[in-house]
Amino acid sequence: MGSGIKLGTAACVSVALCLPVATLIGTSNAGASAVPTNSQSATVEHSVAKIHGWIGKGRVKSRKRHNLVHSTTTTTSTRNVVAGTVTAVASFDRRCAPVTMVLTQTAQLAKVSGSSPLKASTKVVTGPLKVTMSSNSCRTAFTVTLTNTPAPTPTPTPTPTPTPTPTPTPSPIPSNAISVLSFGAVGDGSTDNCSAIQNALNSLATGATLVFPAGQVFAHSCVEQAHNPGVRITGGGQLLATNEQSSSLFINADNVTVDNLSFRVANTTKRWSEYEKMTVRLGAKTGISLSDISVDGAGAAGVYVGGASNFSLTRVSVRNTRADAIHMTEGAHDGTVTDAYVQNAGDDGVAVVSYKGSGDPACANITIANPRFYGQTWGRAFSVVGGDHITYRNVYAEHSSAASVYIASESNFNTWPATNILVDGGTINYANDTASVDHGAVLLYNGQPTVNSDITVRGLAISNTRSDASRQIAIINGNGGTHTRIALQNISLSGGPTPFYSNAPASSYNRTNVAYDGVALPDLTGWV
C-alpha cells in the first residue's frame, strides 16, 4: 500500500525482543548465597556443556574457602543454544530426592522431578535456555549435562519459475466491433496515438466493442479515459505508455469490460502517488470487469480500484510496479479478485486500504481468491489495512519483503479498523526478506486507538521465514489499539524463528492446532 508501518526497531515491543542474544547469555539468578561456579557463561555450540551448583537446605563448605555458606533451594543458570533439541541430564545425591529440573525459553519447555539421574528432552529455538534446579530436601551438589543437537538444515525449496495462470481462449470479438485503426491509430510501438485512442473511446455507444489488434503496440503519451458505459475494450494488442507522468487508462463509467489486452509503461524514474501514474485505474463506478490483462510497469499502482463497486478482476497479471501491484481503496466494495499474479511489486502485492481521514467509508465485502505473489522490493504480499468483511482464500507468497499476510489499522495513515477478516488457506515461503522490517510471516497489528476484531487466519503452511526475525506470527497492540476475537487455526510452521509472539491480552485470541517443525504448540483459548 502507499503506507506501510515500518516495524524495524519499532517492532521491539518488549525489552526481551530488542536485546541481542549475547546480552542474555551468562546470567544467573541463583542469588548471592549460591556457591559460585566458573561455568555460568558457558555456551552450547553443538554438543555438550555442564552446569555445576548446590541446592537444598543446610550449609556446605565452599570449594574456594574453608568456611561454611548457606546453599540455596533454587538455582537458575542460562545457556545459549541453537535451534534443535536439548537433552538435559542432572545427577545429584539420591538421598536428597526429590529434585526438580525446569527448562525454559520464552515459556516452560520441560519439567521433571524425582531421583538422580533426572532427564528431560525438549525442542528449542536459537537463544537463551534457562535451567532451574530446586530442592527442599537435604543439601547436595549437582551437575547438569546439556546436549544440544541442532536441527538439520532443511533442503532449500527450489524457487519455481513464476508462471501466470494460463490465459483461456478470449471471448469472441463481434463482427461489428470497431478497430482503433479506424481512428488513425498506428500499432508500430512509436507513433503517439494519444488523440486517436481517445477519439476511438469517445465514439463508443453502449454495447460497442473497441479492438486493439493482436500483435500491435499502440504508444500513447497521455491519460486515456473510457467514460461511456456498457462498452468492451479488447483485441489482444498492447497499450504502451511513453510518458510516466500521464500513463493511465482511466475507466470512469459503469459496466465497462476490458479483456485480453496488455499495458506497459516504457520507463519509470521513481515512485509516484498521483492518479495519472496508475497504469489501469478504476473509478467510483459499478460493474467494471478486467479479465486476462497484464500490466508491466507503473510509476504508482499497477491496478488501482478507487471506490468501485461490484467489480471483478480475473486473471490479472501485474509486474514491476513502483507502488502496490493491486490497490483497492476509497471505499471500494462488493468486488472479487480471482487468480491474480504479482511479480516484483514496489510495495504490497494485493492490498485493501481504508483511509478514514479521506472521508471515504471502509472498503467492504471483497474476496481475493487464489492470488500468486513472487517477490517485491518493499512491502507485504497480501494486506488489509482497514476494511470490513475482506477475505483471502488459497494464497501463495514467496519472498515478501515484510510480512506475507498483514492485517492492520495504522495511526500514521489514519485508517479504519480491520473487522471480519478471513485468511483461509495457502502457502507462505521465505517471508520477511528485509531485516530492517521485523514483521515475520503473519502480522496482526493495531496502531490506532480502536479495535480490530473478528479476524481469522487458518490453514496456512509457512516455511523458511527469515531466521533472524523476532517471530513468525504476531499479534501486536500499539498506540492504544486492541484486538478482540482473533483466531489462529490449523497452521504449520517449518523452519524459521520463534513461532509466535503477542503483547495482546490472552483473552483476545485463540490459537489452536498450530505446529512448529512437527511439534504442536499448546492450544490457547482466550475467548469462546
Protein backbone atom coordinates (compact mmCIF):
# COMPACT_ATOMS: atom_id res chain seq x y z
CA MET A 1 0.00 0.00 0.00
CA GLY A 2 1.02 3.59 -0.20
CA SER A 3 1.60 3.48 3.53
CA GLY A 4 3.26 0.67 5.41
CA ILE A 5 4.17 0.52 9.08
CA LYS A 6 7.90 0.19 9.30
CA LEU A 7 8.34 -2.10 12.30
CA GLY A 8 12.13 -2.15 12.30
CA THR A 9 13.36 -1.21 15.73
CA ALA A 10 9.78 -0.23 16.50
CA ALA A 11 8.84 -3.89 16.35
CA CYS A 12 10.71 -4.49 19.58
CA VAL A 13 7.64 -4.11 21.72
CA SER A 14 9.34 -5.65 24.72
CA VAL A 15 12.83 -5.36 26.11
CA ALA A 16 13.43 -9.05 25.55
CA LEU A 17 12.74 -8.74 21.84
CA CYS A 18 15.07 -5.76 21.49
CA LEU A 19 18.07 -7.29 23.26
CA PRO A 20 20.64 -9.16 21.17
CA VAL A 21 21.09 -12.75 22.25
CA ALA A 22 24.59 -12.05 23.53
CA THR A 23 23.26 -9.80 26.29
CA LEU A 24 21.13 -12.63 27.65
CA ILE A 25 23.93 -15.17 27.98
CA GLY A 26 25.82 -15.92 31.15
CA THR A 27 23.29 -14.65 33.68
CA SER A 28 22.38 -16.44 36.87
CA ASN A 29 19.50 -15.90 39.28
CA ALA A 30 20.90 -18.15 41.94
CA GLY A 31 21.40 -15.32 44.38
CA ALA A 32 24.41 -14.12 46.35
CA SER A 33 24.32 -17.11 48.65
CA ALA A 34 24.81 -19.61 45.84
CA VAL A 35 28.15 -21.31 45.63
CA PRO A 36 29.85 -19.55 42.70
CA THR A 37 30.97 -21.65 39.75
CA ASN A 38 33.17 -20.87 36.78
CA SER A 39 30.78 -22.38 34.25
CA GLN A 40 27.97 -19.81 34.31
CA SER A 41 28.85 -18.26 30.91
CA ALA A 42 29.47 -21.46 29.00
CA THR A 43 27.94 -21.65 25.52
CA VAL A 44 26.46 -24.78 24.00
CA GLU A 45 27.52 -24.58 20.38
CA HIS A 46 26.58 -28.02 19.12
CA SER A 47 27.21 -30.73 21.66
CA VAL A 48 27.80 -30.70 25.40
CA ALA A 49 28.07 -28.21 28.25
CA LYS A 50 27.94 -28.75 32.01
CA ILE A 51 26.38 -26.76 34.83
CA HIS A 52 27.55 -27.27 38.43
CA GLY A 53 26.00 -25.99 41.62
CA TRP A 54 24.50 -26.71 45.02
CA ILE A 55 20.86 -26.89 46.07
CA GLY A 56 18.91 -27.97 49.13
CA LYS A 57 18.62 -26.90 52.74
CA GLY A 58 21.60 -26.59 55.02
CA ARG A 59 25.19 -25.41 54.81
CA VAL A 60 28.06 -26.55 52.64
CA LYS A 61 31.78 -25.92 52.61
CA SER A 62 32.89 -23.60 49.83
CA ARG A 63 35.32 -25.04 47.29
CA LYS A 64 37.41 -21.88 47.44
CA ARG A 65 37.16 -21.10 51.15
CA HIS A 66 37.12 -23.34 54.19
CA ASN A 67 34.12 -21.60 55.69
CA LEU A 68 30.50 -22.61 55.74
CA VAL A 69 27.94 -20.88 53.46
CA HIS A 70 24.23 -21.42 53.04
CA SER A 71 23.19 -23.34 49.92
CA THR A 72 20.09 -22.18 48.01
CA THR A 73 16.91 -24.16 47.44
CA THR A 74 16.72 -22.90 43.81
CA THR A 75 19.49 -22.20 41.31
CA THR A 76 18.93 -20.88 37.78
CA SER A 77 21.59 -20.76 35.08
CA THR A 78 21.31 -19.62 31.48
CA ARG A 79 22.99 -21.10 28.43
CA ASN A 80 22.79 -20.18 24.79
CA VAL A 81 21.53 -22.93 22.49
CA VAL A 82 20.90 -23.33 18.80
CA ALA A 83 17.63 -24.43 17.28
CA GLY A 84 17.10 -28.16 17.54
CA THR A 85 16.84 -30.47 20.55
CA VAL A 86 18.34 -30.20 24.02
CA THR A 87 18.70 -33.17 26.34
CA ALA A 88 19.47 -32.32 29.98
CA VAL A 89 20.66 -34.97 32.45
CA ALA A 90 21.00 -33.95 36.10
CA SER A 91 22.94 -36.00 38.62
CA PHE A 92 22.98 -35.43 42.40
CA ASP A 93 22.91 -37.29 45.70
CA ARG A 94 19.96 -39.71 45.54
CA ARG A 95 19.38 -39.29 49.25
CA CYS A 96 18.29 -35.67 48.60
CA ALA A 97 15.49 -36.55 46.22
CA PRO A 98 13.08 -35.31 45.06
CA VAL A 99 14.86 -32.67 42.97
CA THR A 100 13.07 -30.66 40.26
CA MET A 101 14.60 -29.52 36.97
CA VAL A 102 12.83 -26.99 34.70
CA LEU A 103 13.90 -25.93 31.18
CA THR A 104 12.55 -22.58 29.99
CA GLN A 105 12.87 -20.28 26.99
CA THR A 106 10.02 -17.83 26.36
CA ALA A 107 7.80 -20.43 28.02
CA GLN A 108 8.34 -23.52 30.11
CA LEU A 109 9.54 -26.34 27.85
CA ALA A 110 10.04 -29.22 30.25
CA LYS A 111 9.72 -30.03 33.95
CA VAL A 112 10.80 -33.24 35.67
CA SER A 113 11.07 -34.24 39.32
CA GLY A 114 12.48 -37.25 41.08
CA SER A 115 15.67 -39.02 41.92
CA SER A 116 19.05 -38.95 40.20
CA PRO A 117 19.53 -39.06 37.30
CA LEU A 118 16.81 -36.69 36.05
CA LYS A 119 16.42 -36.50 32.29
CA ALA A 120 14.46 -34.09 30.10
CA SER A 121 14.50 -33.65 26.34
CA THR A 122 12.83 -30.79 24.51
CA LYS A 123 12.77 -28.88 21.26
CA VAL A 124 14.41 -25.43 21.45
CA VAL A 125 14.87 -22.36 19.31
CA THR A 126 18.09 -20.40 18.97
CA GLY A 127 18.63 -18.22 22.03
CA PRO A 128 18.95 -18.43 25.80
CA LEU A 129 17.80 -21.52 27.69
CA LYS A 130 17.20 -21.32 31.43
CA VAL A 131 17.93 -24.38 33.57
CA THR A 132 16.39 -24.20 37.05
CA MET A 133 17.27 -26.76 39.72
CA SER A 134 15.37 -26.81 43.01
CA SER A 135 15.04 -28.93 46.12
CA ASN A 136 13.58 -28.52 49.58
CA SER A 137 15.39 -31.60 50.78
CA CYS A 138 18.97 -32.03 52.03
CA ARG A 139 21.88 -30.14 50.54
CA THR A 140 23.56 -31.70 47.52
CA ALA A 141 25.91 -30.79 44.73
CA PHE A 142 24.51 -31.29 41.24
CA THR A 143 25.77 -31.47 37.70
CA VAL A 144 23.55 -30.89 34.67
CA THR A 145 24.91 -32.13 31.35
CA LEU A 146 23.32 -30.38 28.36
CA THR A 147 23.49 -31.96 24.92
CA ASN A 148 22.33 -29.65 22.14
CA THR A 149 21.59 -31.37 18.83
CA PRO A 150 20.98 -28.76 16.10
CA ALA A 151 18.03 -29.22 13.81
CA PRO A 152 19.09 -30.46 10.39
CA THR A 153 19.36 -27.72 7.81
CA PRO A 154 16.37 -28.16 5.54
CA THR A 155 16.98 -28.59 1.86
CA PRO A 156 16.00 -25.26 0.30
CA THR A 157 12.76 -25.43 -1.57
CA PRO A 158 13.53 -24.68 -5.21
CA THR A 159 12.01 -21.42 -6.30
CA PRO A 160 9.70 -22.22 -9.17
CA THR A 161 9.84 -20.15 -12.29
CA PRO A 162 6.94 -17.77 -11.90
CA THR A 163 4.31 -18.73 -14.42
CA PRO A 164 1.00 -16.91 -14.58
CA THR A 165 -2.23 -18.82 -14.69
CA PRO A 166 -2.72 -19.90 -18.31
CA THR A 167 -4.85 -17.45 -20.20
CA PRO A 168 -8.03 -19.03 -21.56
CA THR A 169 -9.28 -18.50 -25.06
CA PRO A 170 -10.61 -14.92 -25.18
CA SER A 171 -14.25 -14.25 -25.81
CA PRO A 172 -15.09 -13.89 -29.49
CA ILE A 173 -14.94 -10.42 -30.97
CA PRO A 174 -18.28 -9.44 -32.55
CA SER A 175 -18.40 -8.78 -36.26
CA ASN A 176 -19.48 -5.17 -35.73
CA ALA A 177 -16.53 -4.38 -33.44
CA ILE A 178 -14.72 -1.09 -34.03
CA SER A 179 -10.95 -1.11 -34.62
CA VAL A 180 -8.80 1.61 -33.13
CA LEU A 181 -7.06 1.63 -36.52
CA SER A 182 -10.19 3.26 -37.97
CA PHE A 183 -9.37 6.39 -35.96
CA GLY A 184 -5.86 6.67 -37.32
CA ALA A 185 -4.03 4.73 -34.61
CA VAL A 186 -0.77 3.10 -35.69
CA GLY A 187 0.43 0.00 -33.82
CA ASP A 188 4.15 0.38 -34.53
CA GLY A 189 5.24 0.99 -30.91
CA SER A 190 6.50 4.51 -31.58
CA THR A 191 3.76 6.67 -33.11
CA ASP A 192 1.99 8.71 -30.43
CA ASN A 193 -1.64 7.61 -30.60
CA CYS A 194 -2.87 9.82 -27.77
CA SER A 195 -5.62 11.56 -29.77
CA ALA A 196 -6.54 8.54 -31.92
CA ILE A 197 -7.14 6.28 -28.92
CA GLN A 198 -9.18 8.89 -27.06
CA ASN A 199 -11.29 9.61 -30.16
CA ALA A 200 -12.00 5.91 -30.52
CA LEU A 201 -13.06 5.66 -26.85
CA ASN A 202 -15.25 8.74 -27.21
CA SER A 203 -17.09 7.19 -30.15
CA LEU A 204 -18.32 4.10 -28.31
CA ALA A 205 -22.02 3.68 -27.68
CA THR A 206 -23.41 1.29 -25.06
CA GLY A 207 -22.86 -2.29 -26.24
CA ALA A 208 -19.99 -1.38 -28.60
CA THR A 209 -16.63 -3.17 -28.69
CA LEU A 210 -13.31 -1.44 -29.38
CA VAL A 211 -10.45 -3.60 -30.68
CA PHE A 212 -6.71 -3.08 -30.30
CA PRO A 213 -5.50 -5.73 -32.77
CA ALA A 214 -3.23 -8.51 -31.52
CA GLY A 215 0.44 -8.23 -32.33
CA GLN A 216 0.40 -4.43 -32.45
CA VAL A 217 1.74 -1.95 -29.90
CA PHE A 218 -0.07 1.36 -29.51
CA ALA A 219 2.11 4.03 -27.92
CA HIS A 220 0.44 6.95 -26.12
CA SER A 221 1.74 9.88 -24.09
CA CYS A 222 -1.43 10.94 -22.27
CA VAL A 223 -4.10 9.57 -19.93
CA GLU A 224 -6.78 7.74 -21.91
CA GLN A 225 -10.31 7.70 -20.47
CA ALA A 226 -13.15 5.25 -21.08
CA HIS A 227 -16.18 7.28 -19.99
CA ASN A 228 -19.04 5.66 -21.90
CA PRO A 229 -20.97 2.93 -20.05
CA GLY A 230 -21.56 -0.62 -21.16
CA VAL A 231 -18.65 -0.94 -23.59
CA ARG A 232 -15.96 -3.56 -24.13
CA ILE A 233 -12.25 -2.91 -24.86
CA THR A 234 -10.35 -5.94 -26.14
CA GLY A 235 -8.36 -7.37 -29.03
CA GLY A 236 -5.02 -8.77 -27.86
CA GLY A 237 -2.89 -5.68 -28.55
CA GLN A 238 -0.73 -3.65 -26.20
CA LEU A 239 -1.05 -0.08 -24.92
CA LEU A 240 2.43 1.35 -24.33
CA ALA A 241 2.62 4.46 -22.11
CA THR A 242 5.65 6.50 -23.13
CA ASN A 243 5.23 9.30 -20.55
CA GLU A 244 5.26 8.14 -16.93
CA GLN A 245 3.60 11.42 -15.89
CA SER A 246 0.47 10.52 -17.87
CA SER A 247 0.45 6.76 -18.24
CA SER A 248 -3.02 5.68 -17.13
CA LEU A 249 -6.09 4.13 -18.70
CA PHE A 250 -8.90 5.56 -16.58
CA ILE A 251 -12.14 3.54 -16.61
CA ASN A 252 -14.77 6.01 -15.50
CA ALA A 253 -18.12 4.50 -16.47
CA ASP A 254 -20.43 1.72 -15.35
CA ASN A 255 -20.32 -1.81 -16.76
CA VAL A 256 -17.12 -1.42 -18.78
CA THR A 257 -15.30 -4.64 -19.69
CA VAL A 258 -11.59 -4.72 -20.51
CA ASP A 259 -10.14 -8.07 -21.53
CA ASN A 260 -7.30 -9.70 -23.44
CA LEU A 261 -5.03 -6.63 -23.50
CA SER A 262 -1.61 -5.79 -22.13
CA PHE A 263 -0.44 -2.49 -20.66
CA ARG A 264 3.18 -1.42 -20.38
CA VAL A 265 4.94 1.70 -19.15
CA ALA A 266 8.14 2.29 -21.07
CA ASN A 267 10.10 3.74 -18.15
CA THR A 268 9.60 4.93 -14.59
CA THR A 269 12.09 7.03 -12.63
CA LYS A 270 10.65 6.93 -9.13
CA ARG A 271 7.58 6.17 -7.07
CA TRP A 272 4.62 8.47 -7.64
CA SER A 273 1.20 8.75 -5.99
CA GLU A 274 -0.94 10.72 -8.45
CA TYR A 275 -3.82 9.12 -10.33
CA GLU A 276 -2.23 9.78 -13.72
CA LYS A 277 0.64 7.41 -12.90
CA MET A 278 -1.60 4.41 -12.13
CA THR A 279 -1.43 2.16 -15.17
CA VAL A 280 -5.04 0.93 -15.03
CA ARG A 281 -7.39 2.89 -12.81
CA LEU A 282 -10.99 2.00 -11.93
CA GLY A 283 -13.12 4.95 -10.85
CA ALA A 284 -16.06 5.00 -8.45
CA LYS A 285 -18.38 3.19 -10.86
CA THR A 286 -20.23 -0.12 -10.74
CA GLY A 287 -19.86 -3.32 -12.73
CA ILE A 288 -16.35 -2.79 -14.13
CA SER A 289 -14.65 -6.04 -15.20
CA LEU A 290 -11.00 -6.67 -16.01
CA SER A 291 -10.00 -10.13 -17.24
CA ASP A 292 -6.95 -11.67 -18.86
CA ILE A 293 -4.95 -8.46 -18.85
CA SER A 294 -1.31 -7.92 -17.98
CA VAL A 295 0.36 -4.81 -16.58
CA ASP A 296 4.13 -4.39 -16.84
CA GLY A 297 5.44 -1.27 -15.14
CA ALA A 298 3.78 1.52 -13.17
CA GLY A 299 5.01 4.73 -11.58
CA ALA A 300 2.39 4.18 -8.89
CA ALA A 301 -0.08 1.29 -8.53
CA GLY A 302 -0.38 -1.19 -11.37
CA VAL A 303 -4.16 -1.61 -10.96
CA TYR A 304 -5.94 0.96 -8.78
CA VAL A 305 -9.53 0.36 -7.67
CA GLY A 306 -10.80 3.65 -6.26
CA GLY A 307 -14.33 3.47 -4.91
CA ALA A 308 -15.58 0.95 -7.47
CA SER A 309 -18.45 -1.39 -6.60
CA ASN A 310 -19.48 -4.79 -7.96
CA PHE A 311 -16.13 -5.01 -9.74
CA SER A 312 -14.20 -8.09 -10.82
CA LEU A 313 -10.53 -8.62 -11.60
CA THR A 314 -9.94 -12.06 -13.12
CA ARG A 315 -6.56 -13.44 -14.21
CA VAL A 316 -4.91 -10.05 -13.89
CA SER A 317 -1.10 -10.15 -14.01
CA VAL A 318 0.93 -7.22 -12.61
CA ARG A 319 4.72 -6.81 -12.67
CA ASN A 320 7.37 -4.22 -11.92
CA THR A 321 5.38 -1.52 -10.15
CA ARG A 322 6.74 1.33 -8.03
CA ALA A 323 3.82 1.09 -5.57
CA ASP A 324 1.25 -1.63 -4.85
CA ALA A 325 0.56 -4.07 -7.65
CA ILE A 326 -3.21 -4.16 -6.98
CA HIS A 327 -4.55 -1.46 -4.65
CA MET A 328 -8.21 -1.25 -3.55
CA THR A 329 -9.26 1.86 -1.63
CA GLU A 330 -11.63 4.87 -1.44
CA GLY A 331 -14.42 2.68 -0.08
CA ALA A 332 -14.29 0.10 -2.86
CA HIS A 333 -16.81 -2.63 -2.11
CA ASP A 334 -18.52 -5.79 -3.30
CA GLY A 335 -15.74 -6.97 -5.55
CA THR A 336 -13.72 -10.05 -6.44
CA VAL A 337 -10.10 -10.60 -7.38
CA THR A 338 -9.54 -14.08 -8.81
CA ASP A 339 -6.28 -15.73 -9.92
CA ALA A 340 -4.20 -12.57 -9.63
CA TYR A 341 -0.47 -12.86 -10.36
CA VAL A 342 2.07 -10.42 -8.92
CA GLN A 343 5.81 -10.25 -9.51
CA ASN A 344 8.37 -7.67 -8.35
CA ALA A 345 5.96 -5.20 -6.78
CA GLY A 346 7.32 -1.95 -5.41
CA ASP A 347 5.04 -2.21 -2.38
CA ASP A 348 2.19 -4.54 -1.37
CA GLY A 349 1.16 -7.25 -3.79
CA VAL A 350 -2.61 -7.17 -3.24
CA ALA A 351 -3.81 -4.51 -0.80
CA VAL A 352 -7.13 -3.37 0.64
CA VAL A 353 -6.62 0.01 2.32
CA SER A 354 -9.25 2.18 4.01
CA TYR A 355 -8.21 5.74 4.86
CA LYS A 356 -10.50 7.22 7.50
CA GLY A 357 -9.13 10.73 7.13
CA SER A 358 -10.10 10.96 3.47
CA GLY A 359 -13.80 10.85 4.35
CA ASP A 360 -14.34 7.59 2.49
CA PRO A 361 -16.07 4.62 4.15
CA ALA A 362 -14.11 1.49 4.82
CA CYS A 363 -13.65 -0.95 1.94
CA ALA A 364 -16.05 -3.87 2.38
CA ASN A 365 -17.18 -7.22 1.03
CA ILE A 366 -14.17 -8.01 -1.15
CA THR A 367 -12.92 -11.55 -1.82
CA ILE A 368 -9.45 -12.31 -3.18
CA ALA A 369 -9.12 -15.93 -4.33
CA ASN A 370 -6.01 -17.81 -5.47
CA PRO A 371 -3.58 -14.87 -5.57
CA ARG A 372 0.02 -15.71 -6.51
CA PHE A 373 2.88 -13.50 -5.36
CA TYR A 374 6.58 -13.65 -6.30
CA GLY A 375 8.85 -11.08 -4.70
CA GLN A 376 8.96 -7.33 -4.17
CA THR A 377 11.32 -4.51 -3.29
CA TRP A 378 9.28 -3.35 -0.27
CA GLY A 379 6.00 -4.06 1.48
CA ARG A 380 3.82 -7.06 2.16
CA ALA A 381 2.39 -9.73 -0.11
CA PHE A 382 -1.26 -9.55 0.98
CA SER A 383 -2.67 -6.85 3.23
CA VAL A 384 -5.80 -5.42 4.77
CA VAL A 385 -5.12 -2.04 6.35
CA GLY A 386 -8.59 -1.13 7.46
CA GLY A 387 -11.64 -2.82 5.97
CA ASP A 388 -14.69 -4.92 6.76
CA HIS A 389 -15.58 -8.41 5.52
CA ILE A 390 -12.43 -8.89 3.48
CA THR A 391 -11.50 -12.49 2.57
CA TYR A 392 -8.32 -14.01 1.14
CA ARG A 393 -8.54 -17.66 0.02
CA ASN A 394 -5.79 -20.05 -1.05
CA VAL A 395 -2.93 -17.56 -1.06
CA TYR A 396 0.59 -18.25 -2.29
CA ALA A 397 3.50 -15.96 -1.48
CA GLU A 398 7.26 -16.25 -1.65
CA HIS A 399 9.95 -13.72 -0.83
CA SER A 400 7.83 -10.95 0.64
CA SER A 401 9.88 -8.03 1.90
CA ALA A 402 7.89 -7.70 5.13
CA ALA A 403 5.01 -9.90 6.27
CA SER A 404 3.31 -12.07 3.69
CA VAL A 405 -0.02 -11.54 5.47
CA TYR A 406 -0.57 -8.17 7.16
CA ILE A 407 -3.87 -7.22 8.80
CA ALA A 408 -3.76 -3.85 10.50
CA SER A 409 -5.03 -0.45 11.39
CA GLU A 410 -2.42 2.29 11.26
CA SER A 411 -2.31 5.63 13.05
CA ASN A 412 0.26 7.25 10.77
CA PHE A 413 -2.16 6.86 7.85
CA ASN A 414 -5.33 7.17 9.96
CA THR A 415 -7.00 4.05 8.64
CA TRP A 416 -10.25 2.38 9.61
CA PRO A 417 -10.10 -0.71 11.84
CA ALA A 418 -9.85 -4.19 10.34
CA THR A 419 -13.00 -6.18 11.10
CA ASN A 420 -14.43 -9.51 9.92
CA ILE A 421 -11.27 -10.53 8.08
CA LEU A 422 -10.62 -14.10 6.91
CA VAL A 423 -7.41 -15.58 5.52
CA ASP A 424 -8.38 -19.11 4.56
CA GLY A 425 -5.67 -21.48 3.36
CA GLY A 426 -2.48 -21.19 1.42
CA THR A 427 1.30 -21.32 1.39
CA ILE A 428 3.89 -18.79 2.56
CA ASN A 429 7.55 -19.34 1.76
CA TYR A 430 10.63 -17.21 2.55
CA ALA A 431 8.68 -14.40 4.25
CA ASN A 432 10.17 -11.13 5.52
CA ASP A 433 13.35 -10.95 3.44
CA THR A 434 14.07 -7.38 4.60
CA ALA A 435 15.78 -7.44 8.00
CA SER A 436 15.03 -3.78 8.77
CA VAL A 437 11.29 -4.52 8.75
CA ASP A 438 10.73 -7.04 11.51
CA HIS A 439 7.31 -8.48 10.64
CA GLY A 440 7.72 -12.24 10.34
CA ALA A 441 5.32 -14.15 8.11
CA VAL A 442 1.93 -13.12 9.54
CA LEU A 443 1.41 -9.87 11.45
CA LEU A 444 -1.79 -8.61 13.04
CA TYR A 445 -1.16 -5.04 14.18
CA ASN A 446 -3.32 -2.27 15.60
CA GLY A 447 -1.68 1.13 15.94
CA GLN A 448 -4.95 3.08 16.18
CA PRO A 449 -6.89 3.71 19.41
CA THR A 450 -9.64 1.44 18.13
CA VAL A 451 -10.45 -2.29 17.97
CA ASN A 452 -9.52 -4.77 15.24
CA SER A 453 -11.95 -7.64 15.64
CA ASP A 454 -13.20 -10.95 14.32
CA ILE A 455 -10.07 -11.88 12.41
CA THR A 456 -9.37 -15.50 11.46
CA VAL A 457 -6.17 -16.80 9.91
CA ARG A 458 -6.29 -20.52 9.20
CA GLY A 459 -4.99 -23.33 7.05
CA LEU A 460 -1.57 -21.85 6.24
CA ALA A 461 1.68 -23.74 5.59
CA ILE A 462 4.55 -21.39 6.46
CA SER A 463 8.19 -22.27 5.78
CA ASN A 464 11.63 -20.68 5.69
CA THR A 465 10.73 -17.36 7.32
CA ARG A 466 13.85 -15.22 7.73
CA SER A 467 15.72 -16.91 10.56
CA ASP A 468 16.67 -13.76 12.48
CA ALA A 469 13.17 -12.26 12.51
CA SER A 470 11.77 -11.84 16.02
CA ARG A 471 8.93 -14.28 15.36
CA GLN A 472 6.81 -15.80 12.60
CA ILE A 473 3.25 -14.98 13.72
CA ALA A 474 2.43 -11.99 15.91
CA ILE A 475 -0.48 -10.07 17.35
CA ILE A 476 0.72 -6.62 18.39
CA ASN A 477 -1.17 -3.78 20.07
CA GLY A 478 0.26 -0.27 19.91
CA ASN A 479 -0.80 3.36 20.47
CA GLY A 480 -3.89 2.30 22.39
CA GLY A 481 -5.08 -0.14 19.73
CA THR A 482 -6.53 -3.51 20.72
CA HIS A 483 -7.64 -6.79 19.19
CA THR A 484 -10.61 -8.99 20.06
CA ARG A 485 -11.94 -12.34 18.85
CA ILE A 486 -8.82 -13.32 16.92
CA ALA A 487 -8.46 -16.95 15.78
CA LEU A 488 -5.29 -18.64 14.54
CA GLN A 489 -6.14 -22.17 13.40
CA ASN A 490 -4.56 -25.13 11.62
CA ILE A 491 -1.20 -23.53 10.82
CA SER A 492 2.04 -25.43 10.22
CA LEU A 493 5.43 -23.72 10.54
CA SER A 494 8.61 -25.23 9.17
CA GLY A 495 11.98 -23.73 10.00
CA GLY A 496 12.40 -20.08 10.82
CA PRO A 497 12.49 -18.22 14.14
CA THR A 498 10.28 -18.26 17.26
CA PRO A 499 6.83 -19.30 16.10
CA PHE A 500 4.57 -16.89 17.99
CA TYR A 501 4.52 -13.66 19.95
CA SER A 502 1.74 -11.43 21.25
CA ASN A 503 1.52 -8.46 23.57
CA ALA A 504 -2.28 -8.56 23.35
CA PRO A 505 -4.20 -9.93 26.33
CA ALA A 506 -4.58 -13.70 26.20
CA SER A 507 -8.34 -13.21 26.36
CA SER A 508 -8.32 -11.59 22.92
CA TYR A 509 -7.19 -14.56 20.83
CA ASN A 510 -7.42 -18.32 20.31
CA ARG A 511 -4.52 -20.34 18.95
CA THR A 512 -5.45 -23.91 18.03
CA ASN A 513 -3.75 -26.69 16.09
CA VAL A 514 -0.59 -24.72 15.35
CA ALA A 515 2.59 -26.80 14.90
CA TYR A 516 6.24 -25.79 14.65
CA ASP A 517 8.54 -28.27 12.89
CA GLY A 518 6.00 -31.00 13.51
CA VAL A 519 5.61 -30.28 17.22
CA ALA A 520 2.22 -28.98 18.32
CA LEU A 521 2.21 -25.71 20.24
CA PRO A 522 -0.07 -25.64 23.26
CA ASP A 523 -3.61 -24.60 22.33
CA LEU A 524 -4.56 -21.23 23.79
CA THR A 525 -8.22 -20.39 24.24
CA GLY A 526 -8.82 -16.81 25.30
CA TRP A 527 -12.41 -16.38 24.14
CA VAL A 528 -15.40 -18.54 23.31
